[in-house]
Amino acid sequence: PANRRYRGPIEIPKKGGGFREAFDAHPPLRQVQTRILDRILRAATLPPYLLGGVKGHNYVENAAWHAGSKVLLGEDIDSFYPSVT
């Protein structure tokens, strides 16, 4: 099971105070994840409209890119990120 591949939860301090709960991958899984990141994901060329979670970009740029769009899709991510209200 996936829960045996991770350690945690651990608490990481937030800049604004409080803590964020996170899980740390055990070394064998971390090695696989690092290889995927280095060999596949970092080499991928992303379209300009993908800004969320991309290093060097932020939610303000993401909102500006989509401002004035005729259609806007809002996805409920609450079940994936319990800290999102």
PDB file of N, CA and C in Angstrom:
ATOM      1  N   PRO A   1       0.816  -1.207   0.000  1.00  0.00           N
ATOM      2  CA  PRO A   1       0.000   0.000   0.000  1.00  0.00           C
ATOM      3  C   PRO A   1       0.859   1.270   0.000  1.00  0.00           C
ATOM      4  N   ALA A   2       0.285   2.331  -0.498  1.00  0.00           N
ATOM      5  CA  ALA A   2       0.999   3.603  -0.610  1.00  0.00           C
ATOM      6  C   ALA A   2       1.443   4.129   0.749  1.00  0.00           C
ATOM      7  N   ASN A   3       0.661   3.888   1.793  1.00  0.00           N
ATOM      8  CA  ASN A   3       1.014   4.435   3.107  1.00  0.00           C
ATOM      9  C   ASN A   3       2.310   3.849   3.662  1.00  0.00           C
ATOM     10  N   ARG A   4       2.770   2.714   3.133  1.00  0.00           N
ATOM     11  CA  ARG A   4       4.047   2.162   3.575  1.00  0.00           C
ATOM     12  C   ARG A   4       5.221   2.755   2.813  1.00  0.00           C
ATOM     13  N   ARG A   5       4.953   3.509   1.774  1.00  0.00           N
ATOM     14  CA  ARG A   5       5.998   4.115   0.955  1.00  0.00           C
ATOM     15  C   ARG A   5       6.370   5.519   1.437  1.00  0.00           C
ATOM     16  N   TYR A   6       5.634   6.001   2.426  1.00  0.00           N
ATOM     17  CA  TYR A   6       5.849   7.364   2.929  1.00  0.00           C
ATOM     18  C   TYR A   6       6.006   7.368   4.435  1.00  0.00           C
ATOM     19  N   ARG A   7       6.775   8.341   4.924  1.00  0.00           N
ATOM     20  CA  ARG A   7       6.899   8.593   6.360  1.00  0.00           C
ATOM     21  C   ARG A   7       6.067   9.818   6.688  1.00  0.00           C
ATOM     22  N   GLY A   8       5.530   9.831   7.869  1.00  0.00           N
ATOM     23  CA  GLY A   8       4.799  11.028   8.264  1.00  0.00           C
ATOM     24  C   GLY A   8       3.533  10.658   8.988  1.00  0.00           C
ATOM     25  N   PRO A   9       2.731  11.625   9.229  1.00  0.00           N
ATOM     26  CA  PRO A   9       2.905  12.999   8.754  1.00  0.00           C
ATOM     27  C   PRO A   9       3.973  13.760   9.548  1.00  0.00           C
ATOM     28  N   ILE A  10       4.564  14.743   8.859  1.00  0.00           N
ATOM     29  CA  ILE A  10       5.489  15.670   9.504  1.00  0.00           C
ATOM     30  C   ILE A  10       4.883  17.060   9.388  1.00  0.00           C
ATOM     31  N   GLU A  11       5.239  17.934  10.299  1.00  0.00           N
ATOM     32  CA  GLU A  11       4.718  19.302  10.269  1.00  0.00           C
ATOM     33  C   GLU A  11       5.794  20.243   9.741  1.00  0.00           C
ATOM     34  N   ILE A  12       5.425  21.030   8.744  1.00  0.00           N
ATOM     35  CA  ILE A  12       6.335  22.005   8.149  1.00  0.00           C
ATOM     36  C   ILE A  12       5.808  23.398   8.487  1.00  0.00           C
ATOM     37  N   PRO A  13       6.641  24.266   9.067  1.00  0.00           N
ATOM     38  CA  PRO A  13       6.177  25.604   9.426  1.00  0.00           C
ATOM     39  C   PRO A  13       5.801  26.424   8.188  1.00  0.00           C
ATOM     40  N   LYS A  14       4.696  27.177   8.301  1.00  0.00           N
ATOM     41  CA  LYS A  14       4.268  28.080   7.238  1.00  0.00           C
ATOM     42  C   LYS A  14       4.848  29.464   7.497  1.00  0.00           C
ATOM     43  N   LYS A  15       5.052  30.237   6.434  1.00  0.00           N
ATOM     44  CA  LYS A  15       5.580  31.598   6.578  1.00  0.00           C
ATOM     45  C   LYS A  15       4.659  32.456   7.432  1.00  0.00           C
ATOM     46  N   GLY A  16       3.358  32.299   7.261  1.00  0.00           N
ATOM     47  CA  GLY A  16       2.387  33.117   7.986  1.00  0.00           C
ATOM     48  C   GLY A  16       2.012  32.569   9.345  1.00  0.00           C
ATOM     49  N   GLY A  17       2.712  31.565   9.811  1.00  0.00           N
ATOM     50  CA  GLY A  17       2.391  30.948  11.089  1.00  0.00           C
ATOM     51  C   GLY A  17       1.641  29.647  10.892  1.00  0.00           C
ATOM     52  N   GLY A  18       1.642  28.842  11.876  1.00  0.00           N
ATOM     53  CA  GLY A  18       0.989  27.548  11.792  1.00  0.00           C
ATOM     54  C   GLY A  18       1.870  26.522  11.097  1.00  0.00           C
ATOM     55  N   PHE A  19       1.287  25.374  10.814  1.00  0.00           N
ATOM     56  CA  PHE A  19       2.042  24.283  10.211  1.00  0.00           C
ATOM     57  C   PHE A  19       1.255  23.645   9.085  1.00  0.00           C
ATOM     58  N   ARG A  20       1.972  23.062   8.150  1.00  0.00           N
ATOM     59  CA  ARG A  20       1.386  22.295   7.057  1.00  0.00           C
ATOM     60  C   ARG A  20       1.798  20.846   7.266  1.00  0.00           C
ATOM     61  N   GLU A  21       0.840  19.941   7.121  1.00  0.00           N
ATOM     62  CA  GLU A  21       1.117  18.515   7.281  1.00  0.00           C
ATOM     63  C   GLU A  21       1.610  17.960   5.947  1.00  0.00           C
ATOM     64  N   ALA A  22       2.684  17.185   5.977  1.00  0.00           N
ATOM     65  CA  ALA A  22       3.249  16.610   4.761  1.00  0.00           C
ATOM     66  C   ALA A  22       3.741  15.196   5.035  1.00  0.00           C
ATOM     67  N   PHE A  23       3.993  14.475   3.958  1.00  0.00           N
ATOM     68  CA  PHE A  23       4.517  13.121   4.047  1.00  0.00           C
ATOM     69  C   PHE A  23       5.795  13.049   3.233  1.00  0.00           C
ATOM     70  N   ASP A  24       6.754  12.274   3.705  1.00  0.00           N
ATOM     71  CA  ASP A  24       8.069  12.162   3.090  1.00  0.00           C
ATOM     72  C   ASP A  24       8.230  10.764   2.509  1.00  0.00           C
ATOM     73  N   ALA A  25       8.603  10.674   1.232  1.00  0.00           N
ATOM     74  CA  ALA A  25       8.782   9.368   0.586  1.00  0.00           C
ATOM     75  C   ALA A  25      10.028   8.676   1.132  1.00  0.00           C
ATOM     76  N   HIS A  26       9.927   7.377   1.329  1.00  0.00           N
ATOM     77  CA  HIS A  26      11.097   6.588   1.717  1.00  0.00           C
ATOM     78  C   HIS A  26      12.105   6.602   0.557  1.00  0.00           C
ATOM     79  N   PRO A  27      13.394   6.432   0.837  1.00  0.00           N
ATOM     80  CA  PRO A  27      14.440   6.572  -0.186  1.00  0.00           C
ATOM     81  C   PRO A  27      14.216   5.834  -1.511  1.00  0.00           C
ATOM     82  N   PRO A  28      13.790   4.574  -1.548  1.00  0.00           N
ATOM     83  CA  PRO A  28      13.610   3.932  -2.868  1.00  0.00           C
ATOM     84  C   PRO A  28      12.565   4.643  -3.738  1.00  0.00           C
ATOM     85  N   LEU A  29      11.456   5.043  -3.136  1.00  0.00           N
ATOM     86  CA  LEU A  29      10.422   5.752  -3.885  1.00  0.00           C
ATOM     87  C   LEU A  29      10.910   7.144  -4.268  1.00  0.00           C
ATOM     88  N   ARG A  30      11.589   7.810  -3.373  1.00  0.00           N
ATOM     89  CA  ARG A  30      12.109   9.147  -3.668  1.00  0.00           C
ATOM     90  C   ARG A  30      13.067   9.101  -4.860  1.00  0.00           C
ATOM     91  N   GLN A  31      13.870   8.051  -4.932  1.00  0.00           N
ATOM     92  CA  GLN A  31      14.807   7.911  -6.050  1.00  0.00           C
ATOM     93  C   GLN A  31      14.053   7.795  -7.376  1.00  0.00           C
ATOM     94  N   VAL A  32      12.987   7.019  -7.402  1.00  0.00           N
ATOM     95  CA  VAL A  32      12.172   6.877  -8.613  1.00  0.00           C
ATOM     96  C   VAL A  32      11.523   8.213  -8.965  1.00  0.00           C
ATOM     97  N   GLN A  33      10.971   8.900  -7.973  1.00  0.00           N
ATOM     98  CA  GLN A  33      10.325  10.187  -8.220  1.00  0.00           C
ATOM     99  C   GLN A  33      11.328  11.203  -8.768  1.00  0.00           C
ATOM    100  N   THR A  34      12.540  11.207  -8.224  1.00  0.00           N
ATOM    101  CA  THR A  34      13.567  12.132  -8.690  1.00  0.00           C
ATOM    102  C   THR A  34      13.954  11.831 -10.135  1.00  0.00           C
ATOM    103  N   ARG A  35      14.073  10.564 -10.481  1.00  0.00           N
ATOM    104  CA  ARG A  35      14.390  10.200 -11.866  1.00  0.00           C
ATOM    105  C   ARG A  35      13.300  10.644 -12.832  1.00  0.00           C
ATOM    106  N   ILE A  36      12.044  10.454 -12.451  1.00  0.00           N
ATOM    107  CA  ILE A  36      10.926  10.896 -13.290  1.00  0.00           C
ATOM    108  C   ILE A  36      10.994  12.406 -13.479  1.00  0.00           C
ATOM    109  N   LEU A  37      11.228  13.131 -12.393  1.00  0.00           N
ATOM    110  CA  LEU A  37      11.326  14.582 -12.469  1.00  0.00           C
ATOM    111  C   LEU A  37      12.477  15.011 -13.381  1.00  0.00           C
ATOM    112  N   ASP A  38      13.656  14.457 -13.164  1.00  0.00           N
ATOM    113  CA  ASP A  38      14.843  14.859 -13.920  1.00  0.00           C
ATOM    114  C   ASP A  38      14.799  14.449 -15.384  1.00  0.00           C
ATOM    115  N   ARG A  39      14.344  13.242 -15.667  1.00  0.00           N
ATOM    116  CA  ARG A  39      14.424  12.708 -17.026  1.00  0.00           C
ATOM    117  C   ARG A  39      13.211  12.990 -17.897  1.00  0.00           C
ATOM    118  N   ILE A  40      12.069  13.266 -17.267  1.00  0.00           N
ATOM    119  CA  ILE A  40      10.851  13.459 -18.058  1.00  0.00           C
ATOM    120  C   ILE A  40      10.256  14.849 -17.846  1.00  0.00           C
ATOM    121  N   LEU A  41       9.900  15.157 -16.611  1.00  0.00           N
ATOM    122  CA  LEU A  41       9.136  16.371 -16.354  1.00  0.00           C
ATOM    123  C   LEU A  41       9.923  17.654 -16.598  1.00  0.00           C
ATOM    124  N   ARG A  42      11.180  17.703 -16.200  1.00  0.00           N
ATOM    125  CA  ARG A  42      11.967  18.919 -16.420  1.00  0.00           C
ATOM    126  C   ARG A  42      12.266  19.155 -17.889  1.00  0.00           C
ATOM    127  N   ALA A  43      12.248  18.097 -18.673  1.00  0.00           N
ATOM    128  CA  ALA A  43      12.528  18.218 -20.105  1.00  0.00           C
ATOM    129  C   ALA A  43      11.279  18.601 -20.909  1.00  0.00           C
ATOM    130  N   ALA A  44      10.108  18.520 -20.291  1.00  0.00           N
ATOM    131  CA  ALA A  44       8.860  18.804 -21.005  1.00  0.00           C
ATOM    132  C   ALA A  44       8.720  20.302 -21.275  1.00  0.00           C
ATOM    133  N   THR A  45       8.253  20.621 -22.474  1.00  0.00           N
ATOM    134  CA  THR A  45       7.934  22.001 -22.819  1.00  0.00           C
ATOM    135  C   THR A  45       6.446  22.187 -22.562  1.00  0.00           C
ATOM    136  N   LEU A  46       6.127  23.085 -21.652  1.00  0.00           N
ATOM    137  CA  LEU A  46       4.735  23.303 -21.273  1.00  0.00           C
ATOM    138  C   LEU A  46       4.138  24.439 -22.085  1.00  0.00           C
ATOM    139  N   PRO A  47       2.855  24.342 -22.409  1.00  0.00           N
ATOM    140  CA  PRO A  47       2.196  25.458 -23.087  1.00  0.00           C
ATOM    141  C   PRO A  47       2.153  26.673 -22.158  1.00  0.00           C
ATOM    142  N   PRO A  48       2.095  27.874 -22.714  1.00  0.00           N
ATOM    143  CA  PRO A  48       2.186  29.085 -21.897  1.00  0.00           C
ATOM    144  C   PRO A  48       1.047  29.282 -20.901  1.00  0.00           C
ATOM    145  N   TYR A  49      -0.085  28.635 -21.117  1.00  0.00           N
ATOM    146  CA  TYR A  49      -1.213  28.811 -20.211  1.00  0.00           C
ATOM    147  C   TYR A  49      -1.128  27.927 -18.973  1.00  0.00           C
ATOM    148  N   LEU A  50      -0.162  27.026 -18.899  1.00  0.00           N
ATOM    149  CA  LEU A  50       0.014  26.208 -17.696  1.00  0.00           C
ATOM    150  C   LEU A  50       0.968  26.924 -16.756  1.00  0.00           C
ATOM    151  N   LEU A  51       0.432  27.505 -15.707  1.00  0.00           N
ATOM    152  CA  LEU A  51       1.232  28.287 -14.776  1.00  0.00           C
ATOM    153  C   LEU A  51       1.165  27.762 -13.352  1.00  0.00           C
ATOM    154  N   GLY A  52       0.077  27.127 -12.982  1.00  0.00           N
ATOM    155  CA  GLY A  52      -0.096  26.655 -11.617  1.00  0.00           C
ATOM    156  C   GLY A  52       0.895  25.566 -11.259  1.00  0.00           C
ATOM    157  N   GLY A  53       1.624  25.760 -10.174  1.00  0.00           N
ATOM    158  CA  GLY A  53       2.576  24.768  -9.714  1.00  0.00           C
ATOM    159  C   GLY A  53       3.859  24.719 -10.516  1.00  0.00           C
ATOM    160  N   VAL A  54       4.047  25.670 -11.444  1.00  0.00           N
ATOM    161  CA  VAL A  54       5.252  25.701 -12.268  1.00  0.00           C
ATOM    162  C   VAL A  54       6.240  26.682 -11.649  1.00  0.00           C
ATOM    163  N   LYS A  55       7.460  26.222 -11.432  1.00  0.00           N
ATOM    164  CA  LYS A  55       8.487  27.051 -10.810  1.00  0.00           C
ATOM    165  C   LYS A  55       8.659  28.357 -11.592  1.00  0.00           C
ATOM    166  N   GLY A  56       8.698  29.456 -10.858  1.00  0.00           N
ATOM    167  CA  GLY A  56       8.864  30.759 -11.481  1.00  0.00           C
ATOM    168  C   GLY A  56       7.559  31.453 -11.827  1.00  0.00           C
ATOM    169  N   HIS A  57       6.444  30.783 -11.599  1.00  0.00           N
ATOM    170  CA  HIS A  57       5.126  31.372 -11.863  1.00  0.00           C
ATOM    171  C   HIS A  57       4.305  31.348 -10.579  1.00  0.00           C
ATOM    172  N   ASN A  58       3.207  32.129 -10.578  1.00  0.00           N
ATOM    173  CA  ASN A  58       2.383  32.181  -9.377  1.00  0.00           C
ATOM    174  C   ASN A  58       0.916  32.321  -9.747  1.00  0.00           C
ATOM    175  N   TYR A  59       0.062  32.303  -8.739  1.00  0.00           N
ATOM    176  CA  TYR A  59      -1.376  32.348  -8.977  1.00  0.00           C
ATOM    177  C   TYR A  59      -1.834  33.677  -9.568  1.00  0.00           C
ATOM    178  N   VAL A  60      -1.100  34.766  -9.321  1.00  0.00           N
ATOM    179  CA  VAL A  60      -1.472  36.065  -9.898  1.00  0.00           C
ATOM    180  C   VAL A  60      -1.286  36.020 -11.420  1.00  0.00           C
ATOM    181  N   GLU A  61      -0.168  35.477 -11.884  1.00  0.00           N
ATOM    182  CA  GLU A  61       0.054  35.322 -13.325  1.00  0.00           C
ATOM    183  C   GLU A  61      -1.007  34.411 -13.932  1.00  0.00           C
ATOM    184  N   ASN A  62      -1.345  33.358 -13.219  1.00  0.00           N
ATOM    185  CA  ASN A  62      -2.358  32.432 -13.700  1.00  0.00           C
ATOM    186  C   ASN A  62      -3.703  33.143 -13.864  1.00  0.00           C
ATOM    187  N   ALA A  63      -4.091  33.930 -12.880  1.00  0.00           N
ATOM    188  CA  ALA A  63      -5.358  34.663 -12.958  1.00  0.00           C
ATOM    189  C   ALA A  63      -5.323  35.684 -14.090  1.00  0.00           C
ATOM    190  N   ALA A  64      -4.211  36.394 -14.248  1.00  0.00           N
ATOM    191  CA  ALA A  64      -4.090  37.397 -15.312  1.00  0.00           C
ATOM    192  C   ALA A  64      -4.220  36.746 -16.689  1.00  0.00           C
ATOM    193  N   TRP A  65      -3.621  35.576 -16.847  1.00  0.00           N
ATOM    194  CA  TRP A  65      -3.672  34.876 -18.129  1.00  0.00           C
ATOM    195  C   TRP A  65      -5.118  34.558 -18.516  1.00  0.00           C
ATOM    196  N   HIS A  66      -5.939  34.205 -17.529  1.00  0.00           N
ATOM    197  CA  HIS A  66      -7.302  33.773 -17.789  1.00  0.00           C
ATOM    198  C   HIS A  66      -8.334  34.890 -17.680  1.00  0.00           C
ATOM    199  N   ALA A  67      -7.934  36.082 -17.242  1.00  0.00           N
ATOM    200  CA  ALA A  67      -8.873  37.196 -17.090  1.00  0.00           C
ATOM    201  C   ALA A  67      -9.498  37.527 -18.445  1.00  0.00           C
ATOM    202  N   GLY A  68     -10.786  37.733 -18.433  1.00  0.00           N
ATOM    203  CA  GLY A  68     -11.494  38.097 -19.658  1.00  0.00           C
ATOM    204  C   GLY A  68     -11.885  36.908 -20.521  1.00  0.00           C
ATOM    205  N   SER A  69     -11.610  35.699 -20.087  1.00  0.00           N
ATOM    206  CA  SER A  69     -11.986  34.512 -20.860  1.00  0.00           C
ATOM    207  C   SER A  69     -13.497  34.386 -20.927  1.00  0.00           C
ATOM    208  N   LYS A  70     -13.999  33.846 -22.031  1.00  0.00           N
ATOM    209  CA  LYS A  70     -15.437  33.644 -22.187  1.00  0.00           C
ATOM    210  C   LYS A  70     -15.924  32.502 -21.299  1.00  0.00           C
ATOM    211  N   VAL A  71     -15.070  31.531 -21.055  1.00  0.00           N
ATOM    212  CA  VAL A  71     -15.445  30.370 -20.248  1.00  0.00           C
ATOM    213  C   VAL A  71     -14.409  30.199 -19.148  1.00  0.00           C
ATOM    214  N   LEU A  72     -14.874  29.939 -17.956  1.00  0.00           N
ATOM    215  CA  LEU A  72     -13.984  29.682 -16.833  1.00  0.00           C
ATOM    216  C   LEU A  72     -14.485  28.444 -16.110  1.00  0.00           C
ATOM    217  N   LEU A  73     -13.608  27.492 -15.925  1.00  0.00           N
ATOM    218  CA  LEU A  73     -13.965  26.253 -15.244  1.00  0.00           C
ATOM    219  C   LEU A  73     -13.355  26.275 -13.860  1.00  0.00           C
ATOM    220  N   GLY A  74     -14.182  26.089 -12.857  1.00  0.00           N
ATOM    221  CA  GLY A  74     -13.695  26.019 -11.481  1.00  0.00           C
ATOM    222  C   GLY A  74     -13.745  24.576 -11.010  1.00  0.00           C
ATOM    223  N   GLU A  75     -12.614  24.057 -10.534  1.00  0.00           N
ATOM    224  CA  GLU A  75     -12.535  22.672 -10.079  1.00  0.00           C
ATOM    225  C   GLU A  75     -12.458  22.647  -8.555  1.00  0.00           C
ATOM    226  N   ASP A  76     -13.252  21.802  -7.956  1.00  0.00           N
ATOM    227  CA  ASP A  76     -13.260  21.674  -6.503  1.00  0.00           C
ATOM    228  C   ASP A  76     -12.099  20.779  -6.078  1.00  0.00           C
ATOM    229  N   ILE A  77     -11.104  21.360  -5.424  1.00  0.00           N
ATOM    230  CA  ILE A  77      -9.934  20.583  -5.009  1.00  0.00           C
ATOM    231  C   ILE A  77      -9.915  20.353  -3.502  1.00  0.00           C
ATOM    232  N   ASP A  78     -11.021  20.667  -2.854  1.00  0.00           N
ATOM    233  CA  ASP A  78     -11.081  20.550  -1.396  1.00  0.00           C
ATOM    234  C   ASP A  78     -10.742  19.151  -0.901  1.00  0.00           C
ATOM    235  N   SER A  79     -11.212  18.129  -1.615  1.00  0.00           N
ATOM    236  CA  SER A  79     -10.947  16.772  -1.134  1.00  0.00           C
ATOM    237  C   SER A  79      -9.485  16.369  -1.305  1.00  0.00           C
ATOM    238  N   PHE A  80      -8.761  17.064  -2.185  1.00  0.00           N
ATOM    239  CA  PHE A  80      -7.347  16.764  -2.381  1.00  0.00           C
ATOM    240  C   PHE A  80      -6.464  17.606  -1.461  1.00  0.00           C
ATOM    241  N   TYR A  81      -6.912  18.805  -1.151  1.00  0.00           N
ATOM    242  CA  TYR A  81      -6.145  19.720  -0.307  1.00  0.00           C
ATOM    243  C   TYR A  81      -7.060  20.209   0.816  1.00  0.00           C
ATOM    244  N   PRO A  82      -7.083  19.519   1.940  1.00  0.00           N
ATOM    245  CA  PRO A  82      -7.999  19.854   3.025  1.00  0.00           C
ATOM    246  C   PRO A  82      -7.826  21.269   3.557  1.00  0.00           C
ATOM    247  N   SER A  83      -6.648  21.875   3.361  1.00  0.00           N
ATOM    248  CA  SER A  83      -6.436  23.225   3.883  1.00  0.00           C
ATOM    249  C   SER A  83      -7.096  24.288   3.011  1.00  0.00           C
ATOM    250  N   VAL A  84      -7.549  23.928   1.811  1.00  0.00           N
ATOM    251  CA  VAL A  84      -8.207  24.880   0.915  1.00  0.00           C
ATOM    252  C   VAL A  84      -9.656  25.020   1.339  1.00  0.00           C
ATOM    253  N   THR A  85     -10.081  26.257   1.555  1.00  0.00           N
ATOM    254  CA  THR A  85     -11.481  26.486   1.948  1.00  0.00           C
ATOM    255  C   THR A  85     -12.254  27.130   0.818  1.00  0.00           C
TER     256      THR A  85
END
